[in-house]
Amino acid sequence: MAAVALVAAALQEVGDMNKKFIPRWLKLYLSDTGLDQIEQAVATAETKTSGEVVPMVVRSSSTTGHVPVILFCMFWIGYFVLGGHELLQTTLAVKYTPYYDLALMIPFILLSSVLSRSLVVQRSLVSPDDRILQVAQRSEVEFYHANLHETDGSTGILIFVSMMEHRVVVLADRAISKKLPAETWDGIVKMILSSLKKRDLATGLCQAIDRCGELLEPNFPIQPNDKNELHNHLVIKE
């Protein structure tokens, strides 16, 4: 029994560490204190309503495999257009051969690979229409992965933030959608987008979660036998 208790305690500690882990791409927008504030905001909102609120942040929803290729092409074309080829021929102390141009491909490839990891660069090289479509698609997938479609009474709600695209989607399950139209969530989206501009994601999410509780309470008040069906912490994914 003692061994089982130790294993359970270790698993709980690992779970707490995972909940508190903030990846590098999110550190400018969120702190450990912010994580605690978001979790408390969910717990508080769910004291008013039978709804289940799940906040989620992902690094990117769009496919970006083409970004390093485009960057490399831009560098390679720029090298010739800006006269790098001619400059290389005139400055070399040894006889020029085309192999020197080919050798330059290596630093161009490395530079393209490094720069392509930047969310700003990715955002600039993915079309707006693709960003909108792919964020919408991933938010729907994550809604089901989070089991929001399996709550009692179909009252799950996902607050989905995709950092690379700077887009926010709020998805509500069937029971909520019948009572509250899609436009209901526009103000929540604006709250979070405003907080992203200020690099204060915790404040925006807390305000959004509080607002969700207020909107859900009239139609989906807390029930005497209500139970917390889903976790309260912020879900963070790549």
C-alpha atoms as a PDB file:
ATOM      1  CA  MET A   1       0.000   0.000   0.000  1.00  0.00           C
ATOM      2  CA  ALA A   2       2.830   2.345   0.825  1.00  0.00           C
ATOM      3  CA  ALA A   3       4.406   1.677  -2.574  1.00  0.00           C
ATOM      4  CA  VAL A   4       1.098   2.402  -4.322  1.00  0.00           C
ATOM      5  CA  ALA A   5       0.764   5.658  -2.407  1.00  0.00           C
ATOM      6  CA  LEU A   6       4.274   6.695  -3.411  1.00  0.00           C
ATOM      7  CA  VAL A   7       3.565   5.954  -7.081  1.00  0.00           C
ATOM      8  CA  ALA A   8       0.317   7.913  -6.931  1.00  0.00           C
ATOM      9  CA  ALA A   9       2.096  10.856  -5.315  1.00  0.00           C
ATOM     10  CA  ALA A  10       4.812  10.768  -7.980  1.00  0.00           C
ATOM     11  CA  LEU A  11       2.234  10.700 -10.773  1.00  0.00           C
ATOM     12  CA  GLN A  12       0.399  13.626  -9.190  1.00  0.00           C
ATOM     13  CA  GLU A  13       3.649  15.589  -8.996  1.00  0.00           C
ATOM     14  CA  VAL A  14       4.393  14.889 -12.665  1.00  0.00           C
ATOM     15  CA  GLY A  15       0.876  15.997 -13.557  1.00  0.00           C
ATOM     16  CA  ASP A  16       1.323  19.258 -11.646  1.00  0.00           C
ATOM     17  CA  MET A  17       4.655  19.873 -13.382  1.00  0.00           C
ATOM     18  CA  ASN A  18       3.057  19.332 -16.789  1.00  0.00           C
ATOM     19  CA  LYS A  19       0.277  21.773 -15.954  1.00  0.00           C
ATOM     20  CA  LYS A  20       2.824  24.391 -14.905  1.00  0.00           C
ATOM     21  CA  PHE A  21       5.162  23.937 -17.885  1.00  0.00           C
ATOM     22  CA  ILE A  22       5.243  26.949 -20.209  1.00  0.00           C
ATOM     23  CA  PRO A  23       7.037  26.410 -23.548  1.00  0.00           C
ATOM     24  CA  ARG A  24       9.463  29.012 -24.853  1.00  0.00           C
ATOM     25  CA  TRP A  25       7.108  30.280 -27.556  1.00  0.00           C
ATOM     26  CA  LEU A  26       4.536  31.207 -24.894  1.00  0.00           C
ATOM     27  CA  LYS A  27       6.765  32.723 -22.208  1.00  0.00           C
ATOM     28  CA  LEU A  28       6.460  36.287 -23.530  1.00  0.00           C
ATOM     29  CA  TYR A  29       2.691  36.087 -23.100  1.00  0.00           C
ATOM     30  CA  LEU A  30       2.191  33.986 -19.985  1.00  0.00           C
ATOM     31  CA  SER A  31       3.767  33.344 -16.576  1.00  0.00           C
ATOM     32  CA  ASP A  32       3.363  30.681 -13.875  1.00  0.00           C
ATOM     33  CA  THR A  33       1.211  33.116 -11.941  1.00  0.00           C
ATOM     34  CA  GLY A  34      -0.933  33.556 -15.034  1.00  0.00           C
ATOM     35  CA  LEU A  35      -1.485  29.793 -15.229  1.00  0.00           C
ATOM     36  CA  ASP A  36      -2.763  29.780 -11.654  1.00  0.00           C
ATOM     37  CA  GLN A  37      -5.029  32.747 -12.365  1.00  0.00           C
ATOM     38  CA  ILE A  38      -6.557  31.017 -15.392  1.00  0.00           C
ATOM     39  CA  GLU A  39      -7.193  27.803 -13.479  1.00  0.00           C
ATOM     40  CA  GLN A  40      -8.851  29.757 -10.664  1.00  0.00           C
ATOM     41  CA  ALA A  41     -10.961  31.701 -13.182  1.00  0.00           C
ATOM     42  CA  VAL A  42     -12.305  28.427 -14.627  1.00  0.00           C
ATOM     43  CA  ALA A  43     -13.097  27.088 -11.152  1.00  0.00           C
ATOM     44  CA  THR A  44     -14.898  30.319 -10.218  1.00  0.00           C
ATOM     45  CA  ALA A  45     -16.883  30.486 -13.476  1.00  0.00           C
ATOM     46  CA  GLU A  46     -18.035  26.890 -13.022  1.00  0.00           C
ATOM     47  CA  THR A  47     -19.476  27.691  -9.587  1.00  0.00           C
ATOM     48  CA  LYS A  48     -22.135  29.699 -11.448  1.00  0.00           C
ATOM     49  CA  THR A  49     -22.993  27.296 -14.249  1.00  0.00           C
ATOM     50  CA  SER A  50     -23.286  23.640 -15.152  1.00  0.00           C
ATOM     51  CA  GLY A  51     -21.234  24.404 -18.258  1.00  0.00           C
ATOM     52  CA  GLU A  52     -17.667  23.118 -18.626  1.00  0.00           C
ATOM     53  CA  VAL A  53     -15.134  25.694 -19.830  1.00  0.00           C
ATOM     54  CA  VAL A  54     -11.807  24.540 -21.282  1.00  0.00           C
ATOM     55  CA  PRO A  55      -9.208  27.181 -22.273  1.00  0.00           C
ATOM     56  CA  MET A  56      -6.575  25.997 -24.736  1.00  0.00           C
ATOM     57  CA  VAL A  57      -3.503  27.593 -26.359  1.00  0.00           C
ATOM     58  CA  VAL A  58      -1.627  26.044 -29.280  1.00  0.00           C
ATOM     59  CA  ARG A  59       1.559  27.188 -30.950  1.00  0.00           C
ATOM     60  CA  SER A  60       0.204  26.939 -34.484  1.00  0.00           C
ATOM     61  CA  SER A  61      -2.695  25.454 -36.399  1.00  0.00           C
ATOM     62  CA  SER A  62      -1.418  26.049 -39.926  1.00  0.00           C
ATOM     63  CA  THR A  63       0.885  23.896 -42.015  1.00  0.00           C
ATOM     64  CA  THR A  64       4.264  25.634 -42.284  1.00  0.00           C
ATOM     65  CA  GLY A  65       6.448  23.070 -44.062  1.00  0.00           C
ATOM     66  CA  HIS A  66       6.683  25.381 -47.057  1.00  0.00           C
ATOM     67  CA  VAL A  67       8.091  28.311 -45.045  1.00  0.00           C
ATOM     68  CA  PRO A  68      11.813  27.307 -45.049  1.00  0.00           C
ATOM     69  CA  VAL A  69      11.572  26.510 -48.774  1.00  0.00           C
ATOM     70  CA  ILE A  70      10.152  29.952 -49.556  1.00  0.00           C
ATOM     71  CA  LEU A  71      12.792  31.642 -47.394  1.00  0.00           C
ATOM     72  CA  PHE A  72      15.597  29.770 -49.116  1.00  0.00           C
ATOM     73  CA  CYS A  73      14.250  30.734 -52.551  1.00  0.00           C
ATOM     74  CA  MET A  74      14.022  34.356 -51.453  1.00  0.00           C
ATOM     75  CA  PHE A  75      17.641  34.342 -50.219  1.00  0.00           C
ATOM     76  CA  TRP A  76      18.907  32.558 -53.322  1.00  0.00           C
ATOM     77  CA  ILE A  77      17.106  34.852 -55.756  1.00  0.00           C
ATOM     78  CA  GLY A  78      18.139  37.908 -53.734  1.00  0.00           C
ATOM     79  CA  TYR A  79      21.759  36.762 -53.861  1.00  0.00           C
ATOM     80  CA  PHE A  80      21.756  36.969 -57.652  1.00  0.00           C
ATOM     81  CA  VAL A  81      19.457  39.981 -58.049  1.00  0.00           C
ATOM     82  CA  LEU A  82      21.490  42.085 -55.596  1.00  0.00           C
ATOM     83  CA  GLY A  83      24.764  41.233 -57.300  1.00  0.00           C
ATOM     84  CA  GLY A  84      26.170  38.798 -54.772  1.00  0.00           C
ATOM     85  CA  HIS A  85      27.272  36.483 -57.544  1.00  0.00           C
ATOM     86  CA  GLU A  86      29.330  39.194 -59.287  1.00  0.00           C
ATOM     87  CA  LEU A  87      30.759  40.430 -55.987  1.00  0.00           C
ATOM     88  CA  LEU A  88      31.916  36.927 -55.128  1.00  0.00           C
ATOM     89  CA  GLN A  89      33.715  36.589 -58.484  1.00  0.00           C
ATOM     90  CA  THR A  90      35.558  39.901 -58.115  1.00  0.00           C
ATOM     91  CA  THR A  91      36.614  39.482 -54.477  1.00  0.00           C
ATOM     92  CA  LEU A  92      37.871  35.906 -54.493  1.00  0.00           C
ATOM     93  CA  ALA A  93      41.656  35.650 -54.285  1.00  0.00           C
ATOM     94  CA  VAL A  94      41.549  32.328 -56.132  1.00  0.00           C
ATOM     95  CA  LYS A  95      40.016  31.375 -59.421  1.00  0.00           C
ATOM     96  CA  TYR A  96      36.229  31.492 -59.251  1.00  0.00           C
ATOM     97  CA  THR A  97      34.202  28.348 -59.968  1.00  0.00           C
ATOM     98  CA  PRO A  98      30.413  27.791 -59.791  1.00  0.00           C
ATOM     99  CA  TYR A  99      31.045  25.502 -56.815  1.00  0.00           C
ATOM    100  CA  TYR A 100      31.508  28.602 -54.649  1.00  0.00           C
ATOM    101  CA  ASP A 101      27.928  29.621 -55.415  1.00  0.00           C
ATOM    102  CA  LEU A 102      26.729  26.135 -54.543  1.00  0.00           C
ATOM    103  CA  ALA A 103      28.673  26.239 -51.274  1.00  0.00           C
ATOM    104  CA  LEU A 104      26.671  29.328 -50.277  1.00  0.00           C
ATOM    105  CA  MET A 105      23.536  27.209 -50.380  1.00  0.00           C
ATOM    106  CA  ILE A 106      24.522  25.645 -47.053  1.00  0.00           C
ATOM    107  CA  PRO A 107      24.371  28.853 -44.951  1.00  0.00           C
ATOM    108  CA  PHE A 108      21.236  29.897 -46.824  1.00  0.00           C
ATOM    109  CA  ILE A 109      19.592  26.582 -45.921  1.00  0.00           C
ATOM    110  CA  LEU A 110      20.637  26.887 -42.278  1.00  0.00           C
ATOM    111  CA  LEU A 111      19.448  30.484 -42.045  1.00  0.00           C
ATOM    112  CA  SER A 112      16.127  29.589 -43.656  1.00  0.00           C
ATOM    113  CA  SER A 113      15.651  26.736 -41.209  1.00  0.00           C
ATOM    114  CA  VAL A 114      16.296  28.957 -38.184  1.00  0.00           C
ATOM    115  CA  LEU A 115      14.130  31.857 -39.344  1.00  0.00           C
ATOM    116  CA  SER A 116      11.261  29.550 -40.298  1.00  0.00           C
ATOM    117  CA  ARG A 117      10.731  28.727 -36.600  1.00  0.00           C
ATOM    118  CA  SER A 118       9.707  32.302 -35.860  1.00  0.00           C
ATOM    119  CA  LEU A 119       5.956  32.722 -35.430  1.00  0.00           C
ATOM    120  CA  VAL A 120       6.170  36.161 -37.039  1.00  0.00           C
ATOM    121  CA  VAL A 121       7.886  34.760 -40.128  1.00  0.00           C
ATOM    122  CA  GLN A 122       5.415  31.892 -40.339  1.00  0.00           C
ATOM    123  CA  ARG A 123       2.477  34.264 -40.063  1.00  0.00           C
ATOM    124  CA  SER A 124       3.830  36.430 -42.889  1.00  0.00           C
ATOM    125  CA  LEU A 125       4.256  33.442 -45.218  1.00  0.00           C
ATOM    126  CA  VAL A 126       0.879  31.779 -44.662  1.00  0.00           C
ATOM    127  CA  SER A 127      -2.030  33.401 -46.470  1.00  0.00           C
ATOM    128  CA  PRO A 128      -4.814  34.957 -44.341  1.00  0.00           C
ATOM    129  CA  ASP A 129      -7.424  32.635 -45.828  1.00  0.00           C
ATOM    130  CA  ASP A 130      -5.335  29.576 -44.963  1.00  0.00           C
ATOM    131  CA  ARG A 131      -4.807  30.837 -41.421  1.00  0.00           C
ATOM    132  CA  ILE A 132      -8.540  31.350 -40.883  1.00  0.00           C
ATOM    133  CA  LEU A 133      -9.466  27.963 -42.346  1.00  0.00           C
ATOM    134  CA  GLN A 134      -6.823  25.917 -40.568  1.00  0.00           C
ATOM    135  CA  VAL A 135      -7.439  27.506 -37.157  1.00  0.00           C
ATOM    136  CA  ALA A 136     -11.158  26.766 -37.524  1.00  0.00           C
ATOM    137  CA  GLN A 137     -10.419  23.169 -38.477  1.00  0.00           C
ATOM    138  CA  ARG A 138      -8.026  22.556 -35.606  1.00  0.00           C
ATOM    139  CA  SER A 139     -10.344  24.132 -33.044  1.00  0.00           C
ATOM    140  CA  GLU A 140     -13.034  21.637 -34.050  1.00  0.00           C
ATOM    141  CA  VAL A 141     -10.607  18.729 -33.751  1.00  0.00           C
ATOM    142  CA  GLU A 142      -9.409  19.894 -30.323  1.00  0.00           C
ATOM    143  CA  PHE A 143     -13.006  20.274 -29.149  1.00  0.00           C
ATOM    144  CA  TYR A 144     -13.445  16.532 -29.558  1.00  0.00           C
ATOM    145  CA  HIS A 145      -9.975  15.642 -28.258  1.00  0.00           C
ATOM    146  CA  ALA A 146     -10.814  17.502 -25.043  1.00  0.00           C
ATOM    147  CA  ASN A 147     -14.025  15.430 -24.694  1.00  0.00           C
ATOM    148  CA  LEU A 148     -16.121  18.570 -24.608  1.00  0.00           C
ATOM    149  CA  HIS A 149     -18.776  16.773 -26.651  1.00  0.00           C
ATOM    150  CA  GLU A 150     -19.289  14.213 -23.869  1.00  0.00           C
ATOM    151  CA  THR A 151     -20.338  16.492 -20.996  1.00  0.00           C
ATOM    152  CA  ASP A 152     -23.670  15.958 -19.241  1.00  0.00           C
ATOM    153  CA  GLY A 153     -26.249  18.124 -20.942  1.00  0.00           C
ATOM    154  CA  SER A 154     -23.907  18.976 -23.862  1.00  0.00           C
ATOM    155  CA  THR A 155     -22.715  22.163 -22.174  1.00  0.00           C
ATOM    156  CA  GLY A 156     -19.012  22.139 -23.001  1.00  0.00           C
ATOM    157  CA  ILE A 157     -17.290  25.259 -24.307  1.00  0.00           C
ATOM    158  CA  LEU A 158     -13.795  25.596 -25.752  1.00  0.00           C
ATOM    159  CA  ILE A 159     -11.825  28.853 -25.745  1.00  0.00           C
ATOM    160  CA  PHE A 160      -9.177  28.175 -28.389  1.00  0.00           C
ATOM    161  CA  VAL A 161      -6.158  30.449 -29.003  1.00  0.00           C
ATOM    162  CA  SER A 162      -3.725  29.785 -31.864  1.00  0.00           C
ATOM    163  CA  MET A 163      -0.625  31.881 -31.253  1.00  0.00           C
ATOM    164  CA  MET A 164       1.083  31.890 -34.650  1.00  0.00           C
ATOM    165  CA  GLU A 165      -2.039  33.071 -36.428  1.00  0.00           C
ATOM    166  CA  HIS A 166      -3.156  35.379 -33.585  1.00  0.00           C
ATOM    167  CA  ARG A 167      -6.651  33.941 -33.906  1.00  0.00           C
ATOM    168  CA  VAL A 168      -9.227  32.972 -31.293  1.00  0.00           C
ATOM    169  CA  VAL A 169     -12.184  30.623 -31.684  1.00  0.00           C
ATOM    170  CA  VAL A 170     -14.927  29.925 -29.150  1.00  0.00           C
ATOM    171  CA  LEU A 171     -16.834  26.679 -29.723  1.00  0.00           C
ATOM    172  CA  ALA A 172     -19.896  25.700 -27.702  1.00  0.00           C
ATOM    173  CA  ASP A 173     -21.650  22.340 -27.638  1.00  0.00           C
ATOM    174  CA  ARG A 174     -25.174  21.690 -28.886  1.00  0.00           C
ATOM    175  CA  ALA A 175     -27.196  22.751 -25.849  1.00  0.00           C
ATOM    176  CA  ILE A 176     -25.405  26.080 -25.581  1.00  0.00           C
ATOM    177  CA  SER A 177     -25.559  26.756 -29.333  1.00  0.00           C
ATOM    178  CA  LYS A 178     -29.345  26.352 -29.256  1.00  0.00           C
ATOM    179  CA  LYS A 179     -29.637  29.073 -26.604  1.00  0.00           C
ATOM    180  CA  LEU A 180     -26.798  31.427 -27.561  1.00  0.00           C
ATOM    181  CA  PRO A 181     -25.986  32.398 -31.183  1.00  0.00           C
ATOM    182  CA  ALA A 182     -22.424  32.350 -32.526  1.00  0.00           C
ATOM    183  CA  GLU A 183     -22.222  36.162 -32.328  1.00  0.00           C
ATOM    184  CA  THR A 184     -22.433  35.880 -28.530  1.00  0.00           C
ATOM    185  CA  TRP A 185     -18.739  35.035 -28.404  1.00  0.00           C
ATOM    186  CA  ASP A 186     -17.464  37.951 -30.528  1.00  0.00           C
ATOM    187  CA  GLY A 187     -16.767  40.088 -27.475  1.00  0.00           C
ATOM    188  CA  ILE A 188     -14.791  37.266 -25.860  1.00  0.00           C
ATOM    189  CA  VAL A 189     -12.664  36.899 -28.977  1.00  0.00           C
ATOM    190  CA  LYS A 190     -11.898  40.630 -28.921  1.00  0.00           C
ATOM    191  CA  MET A 191     -10.913  40.481 -25.235  1.00  0.00           C
ATOM    192  CA  ILE A 192      -8.311  37.824 -25.889  1.00  0.00           C
ATOM    193  CA  LEU A 193      -6.963  39.412 -29.074  1.00  0.00           C
ATOM    194  CA  SER A 194      -6.507  42.676 -27.178  1.00  0.00           C
ATOM    195  CA  SER A 195      -4.571  40.870 -24.453  1.00  0.00           C
ATOM    196  CA  LEU A 196      -2.324  39.228 -27.067  1.00  0.00           C
ATOM    197  CA  LYS A 197      -1.332  42.653 -28.361  1.00  0.00           C
ATOM    198  CA  LYS A 198      -0.351  43.596 -24.805  1.00  0.00           C
ATOM    199  CA  ARG A 199       1.416  40.250 -24.270  1.00  0.00           C
ATOM    200  CA  ASP A 200      -0.836  39.601 -21.290  1.00  0.00           C
ATOM    201  CA  LEU A 201      -2.693  36.445 -22.263  1.00  0.00           C
ATOM    202  CA  ALA A 202      -3.652  35.530 -18.698  1.00  0.00           C
ATOM    203  CA  THR A 203      -5.708  38.702 -18.220  1.00  0.00           C
ATOM    204  CA  GLY A 204      -7.550  38.210 -21.501  1.00  0.00           C
ATOM    205  CA  LEU A 205      -8.323  34.562 -20.812  1.00  0.00           C
ATOM    206  CA  CYS A 206      -9.464  35.268 -17.259  1.00  0.00           C
ATOM    207  CA  GLN A 207     -11.802  38.002 -18.487  1.00  0.00           C
ATOM    208  CA  ALA A 208     -13.089  35.705 -21.236  1.00  0.00           C
ATOM    209  CA  ILE A 209     -13.694  32.830 -18.815  1.00  0.00           C
ATOM    210  CA  ASP A 210     -15.515  35.117 -16.376  1.00  0.00           C
ATOM    211  CA  ARG A 211     -17.691  36.370 -19.225  1.00  0.00           C
ATOM    212  CA  CYS A 212     -18.481  32.809 -20.291  1.00  0.00           C
ATOM    213  CA  GLY A 213     -19.697  32.085 -16.771  1.00  0.00           C
ATOM    214  CA  GLU A 214     -21.942  35.146 -16.858  1.00  0.00           C
ATOM    215  CA  LEU A 215     -23.389  34.239 -20.257  1.00  0.00           C
ATOM    216  CA  LEU A 216     -24.044  30.624 -19.339  1.00  0.00           C
ATOM    217  CA  GLU A 217     -25.509  31.191 -15.878  1.00  0.00           C
ATOM    218  CA  PRO A 218     -29.054  32.302 -16.907  1.00  0.00           C
ATOM    219  CA  ASN A 219     -29.681  29.306 -19.168  1.00  0.00           C
ATOM    220  CA  PHE A 220     -27.375  26.757 -17.537  1.00  0.00           C
ATOM    221  CA  PRO A 221     -27.275  27.505 -13.800  1.00  0.00           C
ATOM    222  CA  ILE A 222     -25.273  25.348 -11.409  1.00  0.00           C
ATOM    223  CA  GLN A 223     -27.151  22.203 -10.336  1.00  0.00           C
ATOM    224  CA  PRO A 224     -27.212  20.701  -6.822  1.00  0.00           C
ATOM    225  CA  ASN A 225     -25.569  17.488  -8.052  1.00  0.00           C
ATOM    226  CA  ASP A 226     -23.129  19.259 -10.383  1.00  0.00           C
ATOM    227  CA  LYS A 227     -19.683  17.724 -10.751  1.00  0.00           C
ATOM    228  CA  ASN A 228     -16.527  19.009 -12.388  1.00  0.00           C
ATOM    229  CA  GLU A 229     -16.289  16.796 -15.460  1.00  0.00           C
ATOM    230  CA  LEU A 230     -13.184  18.289 -17.061  1.00  0.00           C
ATOM    231  CA  HIS A 231      -9.926  19.776 -15.780  1.00  0.00           C
ATOM    232  CA  ASN A 232      -9.702  23.480 -15.000  1.00  0.00           C
ATOM    233  CA  HIS A 233      -6.125  24.215 -16.061  1.00  0.00           C
ATOM    234  CA  LEU A 234      -5.031  25.815 -19.321  1.00  0.00           C
ATOM    235  CA  VAL A 235      -4.287  23.226 -22.009  1.00  0.00           C
ATOM    236  CA  ILE A 236      -1.075  24.015 -23.914  1.00  0.00           C
ATOM    237  CA  LYS A 237      -0.182  22.217 -27.139  1.00  0.00           C
ATOM    238  CA  GLU A 238       2.219  22.651 -30.040  1.00  0.00           C
END
